[in-house]
Every structure is written in C-alpha cells, then in structure tokens.
N, C-alpha and C. Protein backbone atom coordinates (compact mmCIF):
# COMPACT_ATOMS: atom_id res chain seq x y z
N MET A 1 7.56 12.66 -4.99
CA MET A 1 8.42 11.52 -4.80
C MET A 1 7.95 10.34 -5.66
N ILE A 2 6.66 10.10 -5.70
CA ILE A 2 6.14 8.98 -6.49
C ILE A 2 6.41 9.22 -7.97
N ARG A 3 6.16 10.43 -8.44
CA ARG A 3 6.38 10.74 -9.85
C ARG A 3 7.86 10.63 -10.22
N ARG A 4 8.75 10.98 -9.33
CA ARG A 4 10.19 10.93 -9.61
C ARG A 4 10.73 9.50 -9.58
N THR A 5 9.96 8.56 -9.08
CA THR A 5 10.43 7.18 -8.98
C THR A 5 10.14 6.45 -10.28
N PRO A 6 11.19 6.00 -10.98
CA PRO A 6 10.98 5.29 -12.25
C PRO A 6 9.96 4.15 -12.10
N GLY A 7 9.09 4.07 -13.11
CA GLY A 7 8.06 3.04 -13.12
C GLY A 7 6.79 3.42 -12.39
N HIS A 8 6.73 4.62 -11.84
CA HIS A 8 5.57 5.01 -11.04
C HIS A 8 4.85 6.25 -11.57
N THR A 9 5.11 6.64 -12.82
CA THR A 9 4.44 7.80 -13.40
C THR A 9 2.93 7.60 -13.48
N VAL A 10 2.51 6.43 -13.91
CA VAL A 10 1.06 6.15 -14.01
C VAL A 10 0.42 6.20 -12.63
N VAL A 11 1.11 5.69 -11.63
CA VAL A 11 0.60 5.75 -10.26
C VAL A 11 0.40 7.20 -9.85
N ALA A 12 1.39 8.03 -10.13
CA ALA A 12 1.29 9.46 -9.78
C ALA A 12 0.13 10.12 -10.51
N ASP A 13 -0.03 9.80 -11.79
CA ASP A 13 -1.15 10.36 -12.57
C ASP A 13 -2.49 9.94 -11.97
N ASP A 14 -2.63 8.65 -11.66
CA ASP A 14 -3.87 8.16 -11.06
C ASP A 14 -4.14 8.83 -9.72
N LEU A 15 -3.10 9.00 -8.92
CA LEU A 15 -3.28 9.63 -7.60
C LEU A 15 -3.71 11.09 -7.75
N GLU A 16 -3.12 11.80 -8.68
CA GLU A 16 -3.52 13.19 -8.92
C GLU A 16 -4.99 13.28 -9.30
N ALA A 17 -5.42 12.39 -10.19
CA ALA A 17 -6.83 12.37 -10.60
C ALA A 17 -7.74 12.01 -9.43
N TRP A 18 -7.29 11.08 -8.61
CA TRP A 18 -8.07 10.64 -7.45
C TRP A 18 -8.27 11.81 -6.48
N PHE A 19 -7.18 12.53 -6.20
CA PHE A 19 -7.29 13.69 -5.32
C PHE A 19 -8.16 14.77 -5.93
N ALA A 20 -8.01 15.02 -7.23
CA ALA A 20 -8.80 16.05 -7.92
C ALA A 20 -10.29 15.71 -7.93
N SER A 21 -10.62 14.42 -7.90
CA SER A 21 -12.03 14.01 -7.93
C SER A 21 -12.77 14.31 -6.62
N GLY A 22 -12.02 14.59 -5.58
CA GLY A 22 -12.63 14.83 -4.27
C GLY A 22 -12.93 13.55 -3.51
N ASP A 23 -12.46 12.40 -4.02
CA ASP A 23 -12.72 11.12 -3.38
C ASP A 23 -11.61 10.71 -2.42
N VAL A 24 -10.99 11.71 -1.80
CA VAL A 24 -9.96 11.48 -0.80
C VAL A 24 -10.32 12.32 0.41
N ILE A 25 -10.41 11.68 1.57
CA ILE A 25 -10.74 12.41 2.79
C ILE A 25 -9.76 12.04 3.90
N TYR A 26 -9.66 12.92 4.86
CA TYR A 26 -8.81 12.71 6.03
C TYR A 26 -9.71 12.42 7.22
N GLU A 27 -9.40 11.35 7.94
CA GLU A 27 -10.16 10.98 9.14
C GLU A 27 -9.17 10.91 10.31
N PRO A 28 -9.18 11.92 11.19
CA PRO A 28 -8.17 11.98 12.25
C PRO A 28 -8.23 10.83 13.26
N ASN A 29 -9.35 10.11 13.32
CA ASN A 29 -9.47 9.01 14.27
C ASN A 29 -9.34 7.63 13.62
N LEU A 30 -8.94 7.58 12.35
CA LEU A 30 -8.80 6.31 11.67
C LEU A 30 -7.65 5.52 12.29
N PRO A 31 -7.92 4.29 12.74
CA PRO A 31 -6.85 3.49 13.37
C PRO A 31 -5.85 2.94 12.36
N ASP A 32 -6.22 2.82 11.08
CA ASP A 32 -5.32 2.36 10.04
C ASP A 32 -4.61 3.54 9.41
N ARG A 33 -3.56 3.24 8.65
CA ARG A 33 -2.91 4.30 7.88
C ARG A 33 -3.89 4.87 6.87
N ALA A 34 -4.59 3.96 6.17
CA ALA A 34 -5.53 4.39 5.13
C ALA A 34 -6.43 3.22 4.77
N GLN A 35 -7.53 3.54 4.10
CA GLN A 35 -8.47 2.53 3.61
C GLN A 35 -9.09 3.04 2.32
N VAL A 36 -9.46 2.10 1.46
CA VAL A 36 -10.23 2.43 0.27
C VAL A 36 -11.59 1.77 0.43
N THR A 37 -12.65 2.56 0.29
CA THR A 37 -14.00 2.02 0.44
C THR A 37 -14.41 1.30 -0.84
N VAL A 38 -15.50 0.56 -0.77
CA VAL A 38 -16.04 -0.13 -1.94
C VAL A 38 -16.37 0.87 -3.06
N LEU A 39 -16.71 2.08 -2.70
CA LEU A 39 -17.02 3.11 -3.69
C LEU A 39 -15.78 3.82 -4.22
N GLY A 40 -14.59 3.40 -3.76
CA GLY A 40 -13.36 3.97 -4.26
C GLY A 40 -12.92 5.25 -3.58
N ILE A 41 -13.43 5.51 -2.40
CA ILE A 41 -13.02 6.69 -1.65
C ILE A 41 -11.81 6.33 -0.79
N LEU A 42 -10.78 7.14 -0.87
CA LEU A 42 -9.58 6.94 -0.06
C LEU A 42 -9.74 7.71 1.24
N ILE A 43 -9.61 6.99 2.34
CA ILE A 43 -9.67 7.59 3.66
C ILE A 43 -8.28 7.49 4.27
N LEU A 44 -7.69 8.63 4.56
CA LEU A 44 -6.36 8.68 5.15
C LEU A 44 -6.45 8.98 6.63
N GLY A 45 -5.73 8.22 7.43
CA GLY A 45 -5.62 8.49 8.85
C GLY A 45 -4.40 9.35 9.13
N PRO A 46 -4.12 9.64 10.37
CA PRO A 46 -3.00 10.54 10.69
C PRO A 46 -1.62 9.89 10.57
N GLU A 47 -1.51 8.59 10.73
CA GLU A 47 -0.19 7.95 10.79
C GLU A 47 0.71 8.20 9.59
N PRO A 48 0.23 8.10 8.35
CA PRO A 48 1.17 8.27 7.24
C PRO A 48 1.74 9.68 7.11
N PHE A 49 1.17 10.64 7.85
CA PHE A 49 1.67 12.01 7.78
C PHE A 49 2.83 12.25 8.73
N ASP A 50 3.15 11.24 9.55
CA ASP A 50 4.34 11.34 10.40
C ASP A 50 5.57 11.25 9.50
N PRO A 51 6.64 11.96 9.83
CA PRO A 51 7.85 11.84 9.02
C PRO A 51 8.40 10.41 9.09
N PRO A 52 9.10 9.98 8.07
CA PRO A 52 9.46 10.69 6.85
C PRO A 52 8.35 10.62 5.82
N LEU A 53 8.47 11.45 4.80
CA LEU A 53 7.49 11.53 3.72
C LEU A 53 7.34 10.20 2.98
N LEU A 54 8.36 9.37 3.01
CA LEU A 54 8.31 8.07 2.34
C LEU A 54 7.15 7.23 2.84
N GLY A 55 6.81 7.34 4.12
CA GLY A 55 5.68 6.58 4.67
C GLY A 55 4.36 6.94 4.00
N LEU A 56 4.15 8.23 3.74
CA LEU A 56 2.93 8.66 3.05
C LEU A 56 2.94 8.17 1.60
N ALA A 57 4.07 8.31 0.94
CA ALA A 57 4.17 7.88 -0.46
C ALA A 57 3.92 6.38 -0.57
N GLU A 58 4.51 5.60 0.30
CA GLU A 58 4.33 4.14 0.29
C GLU A 58 2.87 3.78 0.55
N THR A 59 2.24 4.47 1.47
CA THR A 59 0.82 4.23 1.77
C THR A 59 -0.04 4.53 0.54
N LEU A 60 0.25 5.62 -0.14
CA LEU A 60 -0.52 5.97 -1.34
C LEU A 60 -0.32 4.94 -2.45
N VAL A 61 0.89 4.42 -2.60
CA VAL A 61 1.14 3.38 -3.60
C VAL A 61 0.35 2.13 -3.24
N HIS A 62 0.33 1.77 -1.96
CA HIS A 62 -0.42 0.60 -1.48
C HIS A 62 -1.91 0.76 -1.79
N GLU A 63 -2.48 1.89 -1.40
CA GLU A 63 -3.91 2.11 -1.61
C GLU A 63 -4.24 2.27 -3.09
N HIS A 64 -3.32 2.84 -3.86
CA HIS A 64 -3.50 2.92 -5.31
C HIS A 64 -3.68 1.52 -5.89
N HIS A 65 -2.89 0.58 -5.41
CA HIS A 65 -2.99 -0.79 -5.93
C HIS A 65 -4.40 -1.34 -5.69
N HIS A 66 -4.91 -1.15 -4.48
CA HIS A 66 -6.28 -1.62 -4.19
C HIS A 66 -7.29 -0.96 -5.13
N ARG A 67 -7.20 0.33 -5.31
CA ARG A 67 -8.22 1.09 -6.07
C ARG A 67 -8.13 0.88 -7.58
N PHE A 68 -6.91 0.82 -8.10
CA PHE A 68 -6.75 0.81 -9.55
C PHE A 68 -6.29 -0.52 -10.14
N ARG A 69 -5.89 -1.46 -9.30
CA ARG A 69 -5.37 -2.72 -9.82
C ARG A 69 -6.17 -3.94 -9.37
N GLN A 70 -7.09 -3.75 -8.43
CA GLN A 70 -7.87 -4.87 -7.91
C GLN A 70 -9.35 -4.56 -7.99
N HIS A 71 -10.13 -5.57 -8.27
CA HIS A 71 -11.58 -5.43 -8.21
C HIS A 71 -11.99 -5.57 -6.75
N HIS A 72 -12.97 -4.78 -6.30
CA HIS A 72 -13.35 -4.83 -4.89
C HIS A 72 -13.90 -6.19 -4.47
N LEU A 73 -14.41 -6.98 -5.41
CA LEU A 73 -14.90 -8.31 -5.03
C LEU A 73 -13.77 -9.29 -4.69
N GLN A 74 -12.53 -8.92 -5.06
CA GLN A 74 -11.39 -9.76 -4.67
C GLN A 74 -11.26 -9.84 -3.15
N LYS A 75 -11.72 -8.82 -2.47
CA LYS A 75 -11.68 -8.83 -1.01
C LYS A 75 -12.59 -9.93 -0.48
N THR A 76 -13.78 -10.06 -1.04
CA THR A 76 -14.71 -11.10 -0.64
C THR A 76 -14.15 -12.48 -0.93
N VAL A 77 -13.57 -12.64 -2.11
CA VAL A 77 -12.96 -13.92 -2.48
C VAL A 77 -11.84 -14.27 -1.49
N SER A 78 -11.05 -13.29 -1.12
CA SER A 78 -9.95 -13.52 -0.18
C SER A 78 -10.46 -14.00 1.17
N VAL A 79 -11.53 -13.38 1.65
CA VAL A 79 -12.09 -13.78 2.94
C VAL A 79 -12.55 -15.24 2.89
N TRP A 80 -13.32 -15.58 1.87
CA TRP A 80 -13.84 -16.95 1.79
C TRP A 80 -12.75 -17.97 1.51
N ALA A 81 -11.76 -17.60 0.72
CA ALA A 81 -10.63 -18.51 0.48
C ALA A 81 -9.86 -18.75 1.77
N GLY A 82 -9.69 -17.69 2.55
CA GLY A 82 -9.01 -17.84 3.84
C GLY A 82 -9.78 -18.74 4.79
N ILE A 83 -11.09 -18.59 4.81
CA ILE A 83 -11.91 -19.45 5.66
C ILE A 83 -11.80 -20.90 5.20
N ALA A 84 -11.89 -21.10 3.90
CA ALA A 84 -11.85 -22.47 3.36
C ALA A 84 -10.50 -23.14 3.59
N THR A 85 -9.42 -22.36 3.51
CA THR A 85 -8.08 -22.96 3.64
C THR A 85 -7.49 -22.78 5.03
N ARG A 86 -8.24 -22.13 5.91
CA ARG A 86 -7.78 -21.85 7.27
C ARG A 86 -6.46 -21.09 7.28
N THR A 87 -6.39 -20.11 6.39
CA THR A 87 -5.25 -19.20 6.31
C THR A 87 -5.76 -17.79 6.58
N PRO A 88 -4.86 -16.84 6.83
CA PRO A 88 -5.32 -15.47 7.09
C PRO A 88 -6.26 -14.96 5.99
N ALA A 89 -7.45 -14.58 6.38
CA ALA A 89 -8.53 -14.28 5.44
C ALA A 89 -8.19 -13.17 4.44
N MET A 90 -7.53 -12.14 4.86
CA MET A 90 -7.28 -11.01 3.97
C MET A 90 -5.93 -11.08 3.26
N ALA A 91 -5.11 -12.06 3.57
CA ALA A 91 -3.76 -12.11 3.01
C ALA A 91 -3.76 -12.18 1.49
N ARG A 92 -4.63 -12.95 0.92
CA ARG A 92 -4.68 -13.10 -0.54
C ARG A 92 -4.99 -11.75 -1.21
N TYR A 93 -5.88 -10.99 -0.62
CA TYR A 93 -6.24 -9.68 -1.18
C TYR A 93 -5.15 -8.63 -0.91
N GLU A 94 -4.60 -8.64 0.28
CA GLU A 94 -3.66 -7.61 0.69
C GLU A 94 -2.25 -7.80 0.14
N ARG A 95 -1.83 -9.04 -0.05
CA ARG A 95 -0.43 -9.30 -0.45
C ARG A 95 0.01 -8.49 -1.67
N PRO A 96 -0.75 -8.42 -2.76
CA PRO A 96 -0.28 -7.65 -3.92
C PRO A 96 -0.06 -6.16 -3.61
N ALA A 97 -0.89 -5.57 -2.79
CA ALA A 97 -0.73 -4.16 -2.45
C ALA A 97 0.49 -3.94 -1.56
N TRP A 98 0.71 -4.86 -0.62
CA TRP A 98 1.89 -4.77 0.23
C TRP A 98 3.16 -4.96 -0.61
N ARG A 99 3.10 -5.88 -1.57
CA ARG A 99 4.25 -6.10 -2.46
C ARG A 99 4.50 -4.86 -3.32
N ALA A 100 3.45 -4.21 -3.78
CA ALA A 100 3.60 -2.98 -4.57
C ALA A 100 4.28 -1.90 -3.73
N ALA A 101 3.89 -1.78 -2.49
CA ALA A 101 4.50 -0.80 -1.59
C ALA A 101 5.97 -1.12 -1.36
N LEU A 102 6.27 -2.38 -1.15
CA LEU A 102 7.66 -2.81 -0.92
C LEU A 102 8.49 -2.56 -2.18
N ALA A 103 7.96 -2.87 -3.35
CA ALA A 103 8.67 -2.63 -4.61
C ALA A 103 8.93 -1.13 -4.80
N PHE A 104 7.96 -0.30 -4.39
CA PHE A 104 8.14 1.15 -4.48
C PHE A 104 9.30 1.59 -3.61
N VAL A 105 9.35 1.11 -2.38
CA VAL A 105 10.45 1.47 -1.47
C VAL A 105 11.79 1.02 -2.05
N HIS A 106 11.82 -0.17 -2.63
CA HIS A 106 13.05 -0.65 -3.26
C HIS A 106 13.47 0.26 -4.41
N ALA A 107 12.51 0.71 -5.23
CA ALA A 107 12.81 1.61 -6.35
C ALA A 107 13.31 2.96 -5.85
N VAL A 108 12.70 3.47 -4.79
CA VAL A 108 13.14 4.73 -4.20
C VAL A 108 14.59 4.60 -3.73
N ARG A 109 14.91 3.49 -3.07
CA ARG A 109 16.27 3.25 -2.60
C ARG A 109 17.23 3.15 -3.79
N GLN A 110 16.86 2.34 -4.78
CA GLN A 110 17.73 2.10 -5.93
C GLN A 110 18.06 3.39 -6.68
N HIS A 111 17.08 4.28 -6.79
CA HIS A 111 17.27 5.51 -7.55
C HIS A 111 17.61 6.70 -6.67
N GLN A 112 17.92 6.43 -5.41
CA GLN A 112 18.39 7.44 -4.45
C GLN A 112 17.47 8.66 -4.40
N ILE A 113 16.16 8.37 -4.29
CA ILE A 113 15.16 9.44 -4.25
C ILE A 113 15.07 10.04 -2.84
N CYS A 114 15.35 9.24 -1.83
CA CYS A 114 15.35 9.77 -0.46
C CYS A 114 16.42 9.06 0.36
N ASN A 115 16.52 9.42 1.60
CA ASN A 115 17.53 8.91 2.52
C ASN A 115 17.47 7.38 2.62
N PRO A 116 18.60 6.69 2.41
CA PRO A 116 18.61 5.23 2.50
C PRO A 116 18.14 4.71 3.87
N ALA A 117 18.42 5.45 4.93
CA ALA A 117 17.97 5.02 6.26
C ALA A 117 16.45 5.04 6.34
N ASP A 118 15.82 6.02 5.69
CA ASP A 118 14.35 6.07 5.65
C ASP A 118 13.81 4.86 4.89
N CYS A 119 14.48 4.49 3.80
CA CYS A 119 14.06 3.32 3.02
C CYS A 119 14.18 2.05 3.86
N ASP A 120 15.28 1.92 4.58
CA ASP A 120 15.47 0.75 5.45
C ASP A 120 14.39 0.69 6.51
N SER A 121 14.10 1.83 7.12
CA SER A 121 13.08 1.89 8.17
C SER A 121 11.70 1.56 7.63
N GLU A 122 11.37 2.08 6.44
CA GLU A 122 10.05 1.82 5.86
C GLU A 122 9.92 0.36 5.44
N GLU A 123 10.98 -0.19 4.87
CA GLU A 123 10.93 -1.61 4.50
C GLU A 123 10.73 -2.48 5.74
N PHE A 124 11.45 -2.16 6.81
CA PHE A 124 11.29 -2.90 8.06
C PHE A 124 9.86 -2.79 8.57
N ALA A 125 9.29 -1.59 8.51
CA ALA A 125 7.92 -1.37 8.99
C ALA A 125 6.92 -2.17 8.15
N ILE A 126 7.10 -2.19 6.83
CA ILE A 126 6.19 -2.93 5.96
C ILE A 126 6.25 -4.42 6.31
N ARG A 127 7.45 -4.97 6.34
CA ARG A 127 7.60 -6.41 6.60
C ARG A 127 7.10 -6.79 7.99
N THR A 128 7.45 -5.99 8.98
CA THR A 128 7.05 -6.29 10.36
C THR A 128 5.53 -6.22 10.51
N SER A 129 4.93 -5.18 9.96
CA SER A 129 3.48 -5.03 10.06
C SER A 129 2.77 -6.19 9.36
N TRP A 130 3.25 -6.57 8.18
CA TRP A 130 2.67 -7.70 7.45
C TRP A 130 2.73 -8.97 8.31
N GLU A 131 3.90 -9.25 8.86
CA GLU A 131 4.08 -10.48 9.63
C GLU A 131 3.24 -10.49 10.90
N ILE A 132 3.06 -9.34 11.51
CA ILE A 132 2.19 -9.25 12.69
C ILE A 132 0.74 -9.53 12.30
N HIS A 133 0.29 -8.95 11.20
CA HIS A 133 -1.10 -9.13 10.76
C HIS A 133 -1.39 -10.52 10.22
N TYR A 134 -0.45 -11.08 9.46
CA TYR A 134 -0.76 -12.30 8.71
C TYR A 134 0.04 -13.53 9.12
N GLN A 135 1.00 -13.37 9.99
CA GLN A 135 1.76 -14.50 10.55
C GLN A 135 2.54 -15.30 9.49
N ILE A 136 2.84 -14.67 8.35
CA ILE A 136 3.64 -15.28 7.30
C ILE A 136 4.57 -14.21 6.74
N PRO A 137 5.72 -14.60 6.19
CA PRO A 137 6.62 -13.59 5.62
C PRO A 137 6.05 -12.99 4.34
N LEU A 138 6.42 -11.75 4.10
CA LEU A 138 6.02 -11.06 2.87
C LEU A 138 7.16 -11.23 1.88
N GLU A 139 6.98 -12.16 0.99
CA GLU A 139 8.00 -12.41 -0.03
C GLU A 139 7.74 -11.49 -1.22
N PRO A 140 8.83 -11.08 -1.91
CA PRO A 140 8.60 -10.28 -3.12
C PRO A 140 7.89 -11.10 -4.18
N GLU A 141 7.25 -10.40 -5.11
CA GLU A 141 6.55 -11.09 -6.18
C GLU A 141 7.57 -11.85 -7.01
N PRO A 142 7.26 -13.10 -7.36
CA PRO A 142 8.21 -13.87 -8.16
C PRO A 142 8.45 -13.24 -9.53
N ASP A 143 9.66 -13.38 -10.03
CA ASP A 143 9.97 -12.88 -11.36
C ASP A 143 9.13 -13.62 -12.39
N ARG A 144 8.75 -12.89 -13.43
CA ARG A 144 7.94 -13.52 -14.48
C ARG A 144 8.76 -13.67 -15.73
C-alpha cells in the first residue's frame, strides 16, 4: 500500500531495508502503536495490526518519519522547549510525524488506494488521538 501511494516510494524502500536489517521487533504488551528507540529499532505493538491495513501503513509512515527524517536529539529539544514555553513537551517533535501520517492518508484517499471509509476513519483517529495527547489541533503542514 505504501509503495503504491504516489510520493511514498522512498518511504517503502526505507521500510524494506529497515525490516531486512532485523531492527524491527514485535512487542505484544506495548501500550503504544509503535516506537522507535534511540538506536533506531522499531518496536511494533499489537494495535496497528487490527484491521484495516491502512492503520498499519499509517503507523509505519509515522515511525519512518521519526527514524529517517528526524535526528533523535530533536526529542530532547522538544521536551526542553515545551518546558520553557509551558506547551506540550513532545508536540514539537511529534507534529511532523503525525503530519506525515495524515498526508499519507490523504494521498491514499486521493489515489483511491483503499476504501474511502477506512481513510475517513483513520484520519479521524489521527486527529482525535493528537488532540487528546497534545490539547491542540493537528493542522496540516503549511504550503511552501
């Protein structure tokens, strides 16, 4: 699904290499959908494996952003910036990955890669989860 989505070929290539490296593990008791460790290991929990498949693809795009598009020290900067500005500590670090996931869902919908109802449901889940965690709306990345 990721490879078939225009603009996501590089993401699919990176994910294939990541899985081939053995740096992806499944943790059945992980409370999150997934996490990337400082060493670049992807830990997947059980939730993204629930249907529809779009949830797993979106989660992989999100975690790909953390692993391949962000330096791990950005997480530290985000925490301290949040403390200094009295804003949600992880929002600065997490927002780009959540936006990448949302953009992926929009591309899947636009190119009719999967059921539109699944896209609507996943977009709702992304936005709702973000707002619950960070108490601010998840706006799309501004046009450049």
